[in-house]
Structure formats: C-alpha cells, structure tokens
C-alpha cells in the first residue's frame, strides 16, 4: 500500500529487485522498497530472513548480486544505529567525550569540537531525555541508556535517513515505549526518514507507519493494521499458532 502523500514524490532510497547471495545461499531475493522523506518503516521477519543483509546492502557493505540500491536525489546522508557495539567498558570515557569523538565536526578542531558543536551535543541529548548522562562514564550505562547514546551519535551526523537495528532489544517494555515515544517526537519535528528492524511487534505496531515483512523477499507491506495479522505473520515467520511475544495481532475480518 502506498501512502497518498508519497505519490509523485521522488524517493530518498529506492531498492529494486535486490538480491544478495553468499556463496550458493540467497539471503535476499527480488526485494523492492521505496523510502520517501518522512517515512517511518519497520522491517520484521525471522532470524536469517535477510534483515541484516538488507541494511548492509543499503550501507554499501555488501554488493548486490542482483538488482539495485538507488539514491535518486544523489548523495544520501545515513545515520546508522547498530544493535550492539562492542567496546571496553573499563575505558574511562564519558558520554560527552564519546559523542565529541564521533561528532562530524571533530576533525576541524584540535582536541575537540567548538562551542556550537558542544551545544548540538547537549541539545541532542535533551531531545532523547538523557542530558543528565553527559558526564557519566560510558561503561556504567544501562542497555537502554547506551542505546539512546548511540541514537544521539547517529543524529549528530544530521542524517536524511536513520537506520536502526533492533532499537528496543536492550530495553524492557517501559523503556521500549519511552524510546518509541521519543523517536516519534523526533520524527514529527524533523520529517526524518526512519527505517528500522525489530523483532518486537509491540514496538513496531506503535512506531511504524508502514511495515514490511521480510523472509528473504518481501512477503507483505502496508500499514501496521493491515500487515500485523495472524495470517500474514504466520506466512512471514513460517509457523501457525505462534505466540507473538505478548503482541495481539489484528484481525482484519473483525473490523
């Protein structure tokens, strides 16, 4: 289903017939997706269904075996938030220092960033409701706090498209709901395009405006109410009678 507002607009990202093969195994086949400015797209699917490969192809980390990943408007600034980031938790670096090192203006200053860039760091942390963590050691953060710092680092790149890999994986239900609300606030305020992968169907149903079911290819795509049904979820995950981690799928026949 294509949103009326998207008709006639040039997409920021256009994926056409994408296929990626590792040896004889196809991780992705015949995958199509358009992402327009302001889109909020959730990708769901089973482990091994191609979600990580899709992100790698978008980021240019793996070459397409078939099809294309196009950026019709030219160079596309992409911010990427990984599911995990391995680092030495004993290393004495603060949140502020971590964001300073990763700030895009870092290389134009000796030993740090300027006053304007420091203000950007503070403002970004405030938008994510974690400004009080600026001076805290990175290794002392909880999983949910660290996830927000990674989002802050990505937002400081001033991306046109934000890629989030399992953003709610390291947080509890309350933390997941809070993160969903914050991302929704940022999306509304900036018209940032967001493409995220998640196994948390509760999180997806609250945040995504469009959902794509991926199991090597796109099994279904549309608004959450249309896609997050027992029938399409079973088709995507290849099982029936599955408990969707506390999520109650919609039943289009009852509406």
C-alpha atoms as a PDB file:
ATOM      1  CA  UNK A   1       0.000   0.000   0.000  1.00  0.00           C
ATOM      2  CA  UNK A   2       1.416   3.385  -0.976  1.00  0.00           C
ATOM      3  CA  UNK A   3       0.558   6.422   1.118  1.00  0.00           C
ATOM      4  CA  UNK A   4      -1.183   9.146  -0.956  1.00  0.00           C
ATOM      5  CA  UNK A   5       1.423  11.712   0.123  1.00  0.00           C
ATOM      6  CA  UNK A   6       4.172   9.575  -1.404  1.00  0.00           C
ATOM      7  CA  UNK A   7       2.645   9.506  -4.868  1.00  0.00           C
ATOM      8  CA  UNK A   8       4.633  11.668  -7.279  1.00  0.00           C
ATOM      9  CA  UNK A   9       7.471  12.284  -4.827  1.00  0.00           C
ATOM     10  CA  UNK A  10      10.990  11.155  -5.633  1.00  0.00           C
ATOM     11  CA  UNK A  11      12.116   8.601  -3.011  1.00  0.00           C
ATOM     12  CA  UNK A  12      15.229   9.169  -0.930  1.00  0.00           C
ATOM     13  CA  UNK A  13      16.038   5.483  -1.249  1.00  0.00           C
ATOM     14  CA  UNK A  14      14.852   3.105  -3.952  1.00  0.00           C
ATOM     15  CA  UNK A  15      15.540  -0.629  -3.786  1.00  0.00           C
ATOM     16  CA  UNK A  16      14.735  -2.511  -6.977  1.00  0.00           C
ATOM     17  CA  UNK A  17      14.805  -6.298  -7.280  1.00  0.00           C
ATOM     18  CA  UNK A  18      17.589  -6.552  -4.723  1.00  0.00           C
ATOM     19  CA  UNK A  19      19.249  -9.928  -4.360  1.00  0.00           C
ATOM     20  CA  UNK A  20      22.268 -10.777  -2.223  1.00  0.00           C
ATOM     21  CA  UNK A  21      23.887 -14.193  -2.305  1.00  0.00           C
ATOM     22  CA  UNK A  22      26.556 -15.623  -0.007  1.00  0.00           C
ATOM     23  CA  UNK A  23      28.054 -18.497  -1.939  1.00  0.00           C
ATOM     24  CA  UNK A  24      25.090 -20.613  -3.034  1.00  0.00           C
ATOM     25  CA  UNK A  25      22.746 -19.181  -0.373  1.00  0.00           C
ATOM     26  CA  UNK A  26      20.419 -16.308  -1.235  1.00  0.00           C
ATOM     27  CA  UNK A  27      19.999 -14.043   1.797  1.00  0.00           C
ATOM     28  CA  UNK A  28      17.741 -11.678  -0.192  1.00  0.00           C
ATOM     29  CA  UNK A  29      15.830 -12.178  -3.427  1.00  0.00           C
ATOM     30  CA  UNK A  30      13.673  -9.828  -5.528  1.00  0.00           C
ATOM     31  CA  UNK A  31      13.300  -7.264  -2.753  1.00  0.00           C
ATOM     32  CA  UNK A  32      11.681  -3.914  -3.572  1.00  0.00           C
ATOM     33  CA  UNK A  33      11.228  -0.917  -1.299  1.00  0.00           C
ATOM     34  CA  UNK A  34      10.890   2.848  -1.672  1.00  0.00           C
ATOM     35  CA  UNK A  35      11.630   5.146   1.263  1.00  0.00           C
ATOM     36  CA  UNK A  36      10.430   8.743   0.980  1.00  0.00           C
ATOM     37  CA  UNK A  37      11.180  11.761   3.128  1.00  0.00           C
ATOM     38  CA  UNK A  38       9.294  11.468   6.408  1.00  0.00           C
ATOM     39  CA  UNK A  39       8.634   7.729   6.110  1.00  0.00           C
ATOM     40  CA  UNK A  40       8.728   5.572   9.240  1.00  0.00           C
ATOM     41  CA  UNK A  41       9.193   1.997   8.030  1.00  0.00           C
ATOM     42  CA  UNK A  42       9.510  -1.082  10.231  1.00  0.00           C
ATOM     43  CA  UNK A  43      11.054  -4.297   8.911  1.00  0.00           C
ATOM     44  CA  UNK A  44      10.067  -7.554  10.627  1.00  0.00           C
ATOM     45  CA  UNK A  45      10.859 -11.178   9.931  1.00  0.00           C
ATOM     46  CA  UNK A  46      12.531 -14.312  11.301  1.00  0.00           C
ATOM     47  CA  UNK A  47      16.204 -14.709  12.130  1.00  0.00           C
ATOM     48  CA  UNK A  48      18.103 -15.403   8.927  1.00  0.00           C
ATOM     49  CA  UNK A  49      15.376 -13.711   6.881  1.00  0.00           C
ATOM     50  CA  UNK A  50      17.724 -11.102   5.389  1.00  0.00           C
ATOM     51  CA  UNK A  51      17.179  -8.070   7.628  1.00  0.00           C
ATOM     52  CA  UNK A  52      20.855  -7.549   8.480  1.00  0.00           C
ATOM     53  CA  UNK A  53      21.850  -8.176   4.871  1.00  0.00           C
ATOM     54  CA  UNK A  54      19.350  -5.535   3.746  1.00  0.00           C
ATOM     55  CA  UNK A  55      20.986  -2.927   5.999  1.00  0.00           C
ATOM     56  CA  UNK A  56      24.453  -3.962   4.820  1.00  0.00           C
ATOM     57  CA  UNK A  57      23.368  -3.526   1.198  1.00  0.00           C
ATOM     58  CA  UNK A  58      21.907  -0.068   1.923  1.00  0.00           C
ATOM     59  CA  UNK A  59      25.129   0.960   3.665  1.00  0.00           C
ATOM     60  CA  UNK A  60      27.241  -0.399   0.791  1.00  0.00           C
ATOM     61  CA  UNK A  61      28.891  -3.064   2.941  1.00  0.00           C
ATOM     62  CA  UNK A  62      27.846  -5.928   0.669  1.00  0.00           C
ATOM     63  CA  UNK A  63      27.447  -5.709  -3.120  1.00  0.00           C
ATOM     64  CA  UNK A  64      24.130  -6.668  -4.706  1.00  0.00           C
ATOM     65  CA  UNK A  65      24.178  -9.961  -6.585  1.00  0.00           C
ATOM     66  CA  UNK A  66      21.079  -8.776  -8.419  1.00  0.00           C
ATOM     67  CA  UNK A  67      19.032  -5.589  -8.542  1.00  0.00           C
ATOM     68  CA  UNK A  68      19.994  -2.117  -7.366  1.00  0.00           C
ATOM     69  CA  UNK A  69      20.068   0.201  -4.377  1.00  0.00           C
ATOM     70  CA  UNK A  70      19.430   3.693  -5.728  1.00  0.00           C
ATOM     71  CA  UNK A  71      19.610   7.118  -4.129  1.00  0.00           C
ATOM     72  CA  UNK A  72      17.683   9.181  -6.713  1.00  0.00           C
ATOM     73  CA  UNK A  73      18.372  12.531  -5.036  1.00  0.00           C
ATOM     74  CA  UNK A  74      22.132  11.970  -5.086  1.00  0.00           C
ATOM     75  CA  UNK A  75      24.343  11.595  -2.022  1.00  0.00           C
ATOM     76  CA  UNK A  76      22.254  10.438   0.929  1.00  0.00           C
ATOM     77  CA  UNK A  77      23.352  11.124   4.497  1.00  0.00           C
ATOM     78  CA  UNK A  78      22.630   7.996   6.502  1.00  0.00           C
ATOM     79  CA  UNK A  79      22.802   7.622  10.259  1.00  0.00           C
ATOM     80  CA  UNK A  80      23.192   4.052  11.498  1.00  0.00           C
ATOM     81  CA  UNK A  81      22.462   2.708  14.976  1.00  0.00           C
ATOM     82  CA  UNK A  82      23.737  -0.867  15.450  1.00  0.00           C
ATOM     83  CA  UNK A  83      22.072  -3.384  17.726  1.00  0.00           C
ATOM     84  CA  UNK A  84      25.345  -3.972  19.547  1.00  0.00           C
ATOM     85  CA  UNK A  85      28.580  -2.022  19.846  1.00  0.00           C
ATOM     86  CA  UNK A  86      31.492  -3.851  21.432  1.00  0.00           C
ATOM     87  CA  UNK A  87      33.829  -1.675  23.479  1.00  0.00           C
ATOM     88  CA  UNK A  88      35.962  -1.858  26.603  1.00  0.00           C
ATOM     89  CA  UNK A  89      33.565  -0.870  29.392  1.00  0.00           C
ATOM     90  CA  UNK A  90      36.524  -0.162  31.700  1.00  0.00           C
ATOM     91  CA  UNK A  91      37.849   2.558  29.387  1.00  0.00           C
ATOM     92  CA  UNK A  92      37.423   5.925  31.183  1.00  0.00           C
ATOM     93  CA  UNK A  93      35.458   7.848  28.560  1.00  0.00           C
ATOM     94  CA  UNK A  94      32.352   9.884  29.322  1.00  0.00           C
ATOM     95  CA  UNK A  95      29.214  10.170  27.222  1.00  0.00           C
ATOM     96  CA  UNK A  96      30.185  13.716  26.253  1.00  0.00           C
ATOM     97  CA  UNK A  97      33.672  12.630  25.190  1.00  0.00           C
ATOM     98  CA  UNK A  98      32.281   9.706  23.180  1.00  0.00           C
ATOM     99  CA  UNK A  99      29.890  11.993  21.297  1.00  0.00           C
ATOM    100  CA  UNK A 100      32.638  14.570  20.777  1.00  0.00           C
ATOM    101  CA  UNK A 101      34.944  11.976  19.208  1.00  0.00           C
ATOM    102  CA  UNK A 102      32.123  10.858  16.899  1.00  0.00           C
ATOM    103  CA  UNK A 103      30.897  14.361  16.010  1.00  0.00           C
ATOM    104  CA  UNK A 104      31.276  15.068  12.253  1.00  0.00           C
ATOM    105  CA  UNK A 105      32.962  18.418  13.013  1.00  0.00           C
ATOM    106  CA  UNK A 106      35.553  16.757  15.247  1.00  0.00           C
ATOM    107  CA  UNK A 107      38.237  16.755  12.548  1.00  0.00           C
ATOM    108  CA  UNK A 108      38.149  20.521  12.122  1.00  0.00           C
ATOM    109  CA  UNK A 109      39.206  21.191  15.673  1.00  0.00           C
ATOM    110  CA  UNK A 110      42.301  20.245  17.608  1.00  0.00           C
ATOM    111  CA  UNK A 111      41.396  18.287  20.696  1.00  0.00           C
ATOM    112  CA  UNK A 112      37.624  18.559  20.440  1.00  0.00           C
ATOM    113  CA  UNK A 113      34.756  20.461  18.904  1.00  0.00           C
ATOM    114  CA  UNK A 114      33.710  24.082  19.021  1.00  0.00           C
ATOM    115  CA  UNK A 115      31.089  25.760  21.189  1.00  0.00           C
ATOM    116  CA  UNK A 116      28.383  25.348  18.540  1.00  0.00           C
ATOM    117  CA  UNK A 117      29.042  21.623  18.249  1.00  0.00           C
ATOM    118  CA  UNK A 118      29.033  21.194  22.037  1.00  0.00           C
ATOM    119  CA  UNK A 119      25.620  22.860  22.083  1.00  0.00           C
ATOM    120  CA  UNK A 120      24.431  20.419  19.414  1.00  0.00           C
ATOM    121  CA  UNK A 121      25.542  17.513  21.586  1.00  0.00           C
ATOM    122  CA  UNK A 122      23.689  18.873  24.605  1.00  0.00           C
ATOM    123  CA  UNK A 123      20.551  19.635  22.586  1.00  0.00           C
ATOM    124  CA  UNK A 124      20.528  16.143  21.069  1.00  0.00           C
ATOM    125  CA  UNK A 125      20.823  14.506  24.487  1.00  0.00           C
ATOM    126  CA  UNK A 126      17.975  16.691  25.730  1.00  0.00           C
ATOM    127  CA  UNK A 127      15.750  15.566  22.846  1.00  0.00           C
ATOM    128  CA  UNK A 128      16.466  11.978  23.858  1.00  0.00           C
ATOM    129  CA  UNK A 129      15.760  12.802  27.528  1.00  0.00           C
ATOM    130  CA  UNK A 130      19.273  11.813  28.668  1.00  0.00           C
ATOM    131  CA  UNK A 131      21.023  15.184  29.083  1.00  0.00           C
ATOM    132  CA  UNK A 132      21.938  14.187  32.651  1.00  0.00           C
ATOM    133  CA  UNK A 133      24.215  11.471  31.264  1.00  0.00           C
ATOM    134  CA  UNK A 134      26.648  13.913  29.609  1.00  0.00           C
ATOM    135  CA  UNK A 135      29.373  13.479  32.236  1.00  0.00           C
ATOM    136  CA  UNK A 136      28.694   9.830  33.075  1.00  0.00           C
ATOM    137  CA  UNK A 137      31.169   7.081  32.208  1.00  0.00           C
ATOM    138  CA  UNK A 138      30.075   5.183  29.115  1.00  0.00           C
ATOM    139  CA  UNK A 139      30.780   1.806  30.712  1.00  0.00           C
ATOM    140  CA  UNK A 140      28.339   2.457  33.585  1.00  0.00           C
ATOM    141  CA  UNK A 141      25.274   2.957  31.367  1.00  0.00           C
ATOM    142  CA  UNK A 142      22.375   0.537  31.239  1.00  0.00           C
ATOM    143  CA  UNK A 143      21.488  -1.097  27.930  1.00  0.00           C
ATOM    144  CA  UNK A 144      18.637   1.329  27.353  1.00  0.00           C
ATOM    145  CA  UNK A 145      20.758   4.376  28.191  1.00  0.00           C
ATOM    146  CA  UNK A 146      23.563   3.237  25.905  1.00  0.00           C
ATOM    147  CA  UNK A 147      21.060   2.685  23.087  1.00  0.00           C
ATOM    148  CA  UNK A 148      19.930   6.304  23.348  1.00  0.00           C
ATOM    149  CA  UNK A 149      23.544   7.492  23.252  1.00  0.00           C
ATOM    150  CA  UNK A 150      24.034   5.538  20.018  1.00  0.00           C
ATOM    151  CA  UNK A 151      20.899   7.202  18.608  1.00  0.00           C
ATOM    152  CA  UNK A 152      22.305  10.595  19.664  1.00  0.00           C
ATOM    153  CA  UNK A 153      25.582   9.833  17.887  1.00  0.00           C
ATOM    154  CA  UNK A 154      23.687   8.961  14.706  1.00  0.00           C
ATOM    155  CA  UNK A 155      21.504  12.081  14.893  1.00  0.00           C
ATOM    156  CA  UNK A 156      24.581  14.299  15.229  1.00  0.00           C
ATOM    157  CA  UNK A 157      25.514  13.235  11.693  1.00  0.00           C
ATOM    158  CA  UNK A 158      22.409  15.201  10.547  1.00  0.00           C
ATOM    159  CA  UNK A 159      21.129  12.244   8.528  1.00  0.00           C
ATOM    160  CA  UNK A 160      18.357  12.279   5.976  1.00  0.00           C
ATOM    161  CA  UNK A 161      17.756   8.589   6.640  1.00  0.00           C
ATOM    162  CA  UNK A 162      18.165   6.895  10.016  1.00  0.00           C
ATOM    163  CA  UNK A 163      18.734   3.127  10.133  1.00  0.00           C
ATOM    164  CA  UNK A 164      18.004   1.439  13.456  1.00  0.00           C
ATOM    165  CA  UNK A 165      18.921  -2.211  14.032  1.00  0.00           C
ATOM    166  CA  UNK A 166      16.744  -3.703  16.809  1.00  0.00           C
ATOM    167  CA  UNK A 167      16.452  -0.408  18.748  1.00  0.00           C
ATOM    168  CA  UNK A 168      14.300  -1.912  21.535  1.00  0.00           C
ATOM    169  CA  UNK A 169      16.323  -5.119  22.021  1.00  0.00           C
ATOM    170  CA  UNK A 170      18.236  -3.927  25.108  1.00  0.00           C
ATOM    171  CA  UNK A 171      15.329  -2.354  26.992  1.00  0.00           C
ATOM    172  CA  UNK A 172      12.298  -3.506  28.964  1.00  0.00           C
ATOM    173  CA  UNK A 173       8.705  -2.783  27.929  1.00  0.00           C
ATOM    174  CA  UNK A 174       8.604   0.622  29.633  1.00  0.00           C
ATOM    175  CA  UNK A 175      11.939   1.568  28.078  1.00  0.00           C
ATOM    176  CA  UNK A 176      10.696   0.363  24.697  1.00  0.00           C
ATOM    177  CA  UNK A 177       7.560   2.512  24.961  1.00  0.00           C
ATOM    178  CA  UNK A 178       9.614   5.540  26.049  1.00  0.00           C
ATOM    179  CA  UNK A 179      12.040   5.090  23.140  1.00  0.00           C
ATOM    180  CA  UNK A 180       9.128   4.734  20.714  1.00  0.00           C
ATOM    181  CA  UNK A 181       7.599   7.991  22.000  1.00  0.00           C
ATOM    182  CA  UNK A 182      10.934   9.837  21.724  1.00  0.00           C
ATOM    183  CA  UNK A 183      11.586   8.627  18.177  1.00  0.00           C
ATOM    184  CA  UNK A 184       8.044   9.630  17.240  1.00  0.00           C
ATOM    185  CA  UNK A 185       8.654  13.134  18.670  1.00  0.00           C
ATOM    186  CA  UNK A 186      11.886  13.489  16.677  1.00  0.00           C
ATOM    187  CA  UNK A 187      10.204  12.171  13.536  1.00  0.00           C
ATOM    188  CA  UNK A 188       7.349  14.672  13.842  1.00  0.00           C
ATOM    189  CA  UNK A 189       9.699  17.592  14.497  1.00  0.00           C
ATOM    190  CA  UNK A 190      12.204  16.896  11.720  1.00  0.00           C
ATOM    191  CA  UNK A 191      10.464  14.817   8.985  1.00  0.00           C
ATOM    192  CA  UNK A 192      13.439  12.478   9.285  1.00  0.00           C
ATOM    193  CA  UNK A 193      13.071   9.247   7.341  1.00  0.00           C
ATOM    194  CA  UNK A 194      13.484   6.191   9.550  1.00  0.00           C
ATOM    195  CA  UNK A 195      13.974   2.557   8.568  1.00  0.00           C
ATOM    196  CA  UNK A 196      14.208   0.145  11.466  1.00  0.00           C
ATOM    197  CA  UNK A 197      14.446  -3.586  12.043  1.00  0.00           C
ATOM    198  CA  UNK A 198      12.765  -5.151  15.055  1.00  0.00           C
ATOM    199  CA  UNK A 199      11.519  -8.451  16.445  1.00  0.00           C
ATOM    200  CA  UNK A 200       9.366  -6.514  18.928  1.00  0.00           C
ATOM    201  CA  UNK A 201       5.957  -6.397  17.248  1.00  0.00           C
ATOM    202  CA  UNK A 202       4.549  -4.222  20.034  1.00  0.00           C
ATOM    203  CA  UNK A 203       7.260  -1.642  19.322  1.00  0.00           C
ATOM    204  CA  UNK A 204       6.688  -1.913  15.559  1.00  0.00           C
ATOM    205  CA  UNK A 205       2.922  -1.501  15.846  1.00  0.00           C
ATOM    206  CA  UNK A 206       3.311   1.696  17.884  1.00  0.00           C
ATOM    207  CA  UNK A 207       6.072   3.367  15.862  1.00  0.00           C
ATOM    208  CA  UNK A 208       5.895   2.268  12.222  1.00  0.00           C
ATOM    209  CA  UNK A 209       3.645   3.941   9.685  1.00  0.00           C
ATOM    210  CA  UNK A 210       4.491   1.209   7.186  1.00  0.00           C
ATOM    211  CA  UNK A 211       5.569  -2.372   7.874  1.00  0.00           C
ATOM    212  CA  UNK A 212       7.459  -4.710   5.562  1.00  0.00           C
ATOM    213  CA  UNK A 213       7.511  -8.445   6.319  1.00  0.00           C
ATOM    214  CA  UNK A 214      10.850  -9.855   5.180  1.00  0.00           C
ATOM    215  CA  UNK A 215      11.765 -13.506   4.788  1.00  0.00           C
ATOM    216  CA  UNK A 216      14.359 -13.416   2.004  1.00  0.00           C
ATOM    217  CA  UNK A 217      11.825 -11.430  -0.006  1.00  0.00           C
ATOM    218  CA  UNK A 218       9.006  -9.058   0.893  1.00  0.00           C
ATOM    219  CA  UNK A 219       6.075 -11.215   1.986  1.00  0.00           C
ATOM    220  CA  UNK A 220       3.763  -8.266   2.666  1.00  0.00           C
ATOM    221  CA  UNK A 221       3.919  -4.492   3.042  1.00  0.00           C
ATOM    222  CA  UNK A 222       1.474  -1.851   4.181  1.00  0.00           C
ATOM    223  CA  UNK A 223       0.189  -0.071   7.267  1.00  0.00           C
ATOM    224  CA  UNK A 224       0.505  -1.926  10.596  1.00  0.00           C
ATOM    225  CA  UNK A 225      -3.228  -2.637  10.887  1.00  0.00           C
ATOM    226  CA  UNK A 226      -3.164  -4.410   7.516  1.00  0.00           C
ATOM    227  CA  UNK A 227       0.124  -6.286   7.877  1.00  0.00           C
ATOM    228  CA  UNK A 228       0.290  -7.291  11.554  1.00  0.00           C
ATOM    229  CA  UNK A 229      -2.350 -10.012  11.305  1.00  0.00           C
ATOM    230  CA  UNK A 230      -2.151 -13.670  12.298  1.00  0.00           C
ATOM    231  CA  UNK A 231      -2.315 -14.768   8.665  1.00  0.00           C
ATOM    232  CA  UNK A 232       0.497 -12.565   7.346  1.00  0.00           C
ATOM    233  CA  UNK A 233       2.698 -13.057  10.426  1.00  0.00           C
ATOM    234  CA  UNK A 234       2.372 -16.836  10.093  1.00  0.00           C
ATOM    235  CA  UNK A 235       3.168 -16.524   6.391  1.00  0.00           C
ATOM    236  CA  UNK A 236       6.259 -14.444   7.171  1.00  0.00           C
ATOM    237  CA  UNK A 237       7.594 -16.489  10.071  1.00  0.00           C
ATOM    238  CA  UNK A 238       6.583 -19.822   8.574  1.00  0.00           C
ATOM    239  CA  UNK A 239       4.552 -21.014  11.532  1.00  0.00           C
ATOM    240  CA  UNK A 240       0.998 -21.101  12.806  1.00  0.00           C
ATOM    241  CA  UNK A 241      -0.361 -20.881  16.323  1.00  0.00           C
ATOM    242  CA  UNK A 242       2.683 -18.839  17.329  1.00  0.00           C
ATOM    243  CA  UNK A 243       2.709 -16.624  20.419  1.00  0.00           C
ATOM    244  CA  UNK A 244       3.938 -13.261  19.172  1.00  0.00           C
ATOM    245  CA  UNK A 245       5.773 -12.266  22.384  1.00  0.00           C
ATOM    246  CA  UNK A 246       2.689 -10.848  24.052  1.00  0.00           C
ATOM    247  CA  UNK A 247       1.581  -8.988  20.935  1.00  0.00           C
ATOM    248  CA  UNK A 248      -2.041  -9.388  19.900  1.00  0.00           C
ATOM    249  CA  UNK A 249      -2.248  -9.362  16.076  1.00  0.00           C
ATOM    250  CA  UNK A 250      -5.124  -7.507  14.487  1.00  0.00           C
ATOM    251  CA  UNK A 251      -7.886  -9.427  12.800  1.00  0.00           C
ATOM    252  CA  UNK A 252      -8.995  -7.661   9.631  1.00  0.00           C
ATOM    253  CA  UNK A 253     -12.119  -9.810   9.465  1.00  0.00           C
ATOM    254  CA  UNK A 254     -13.385  -8.382  12.739  1.00  0.00           C
ATOM    255  CA  UNK A 255     -13.160  -4.746  11.674  1.00  0.00           C
END
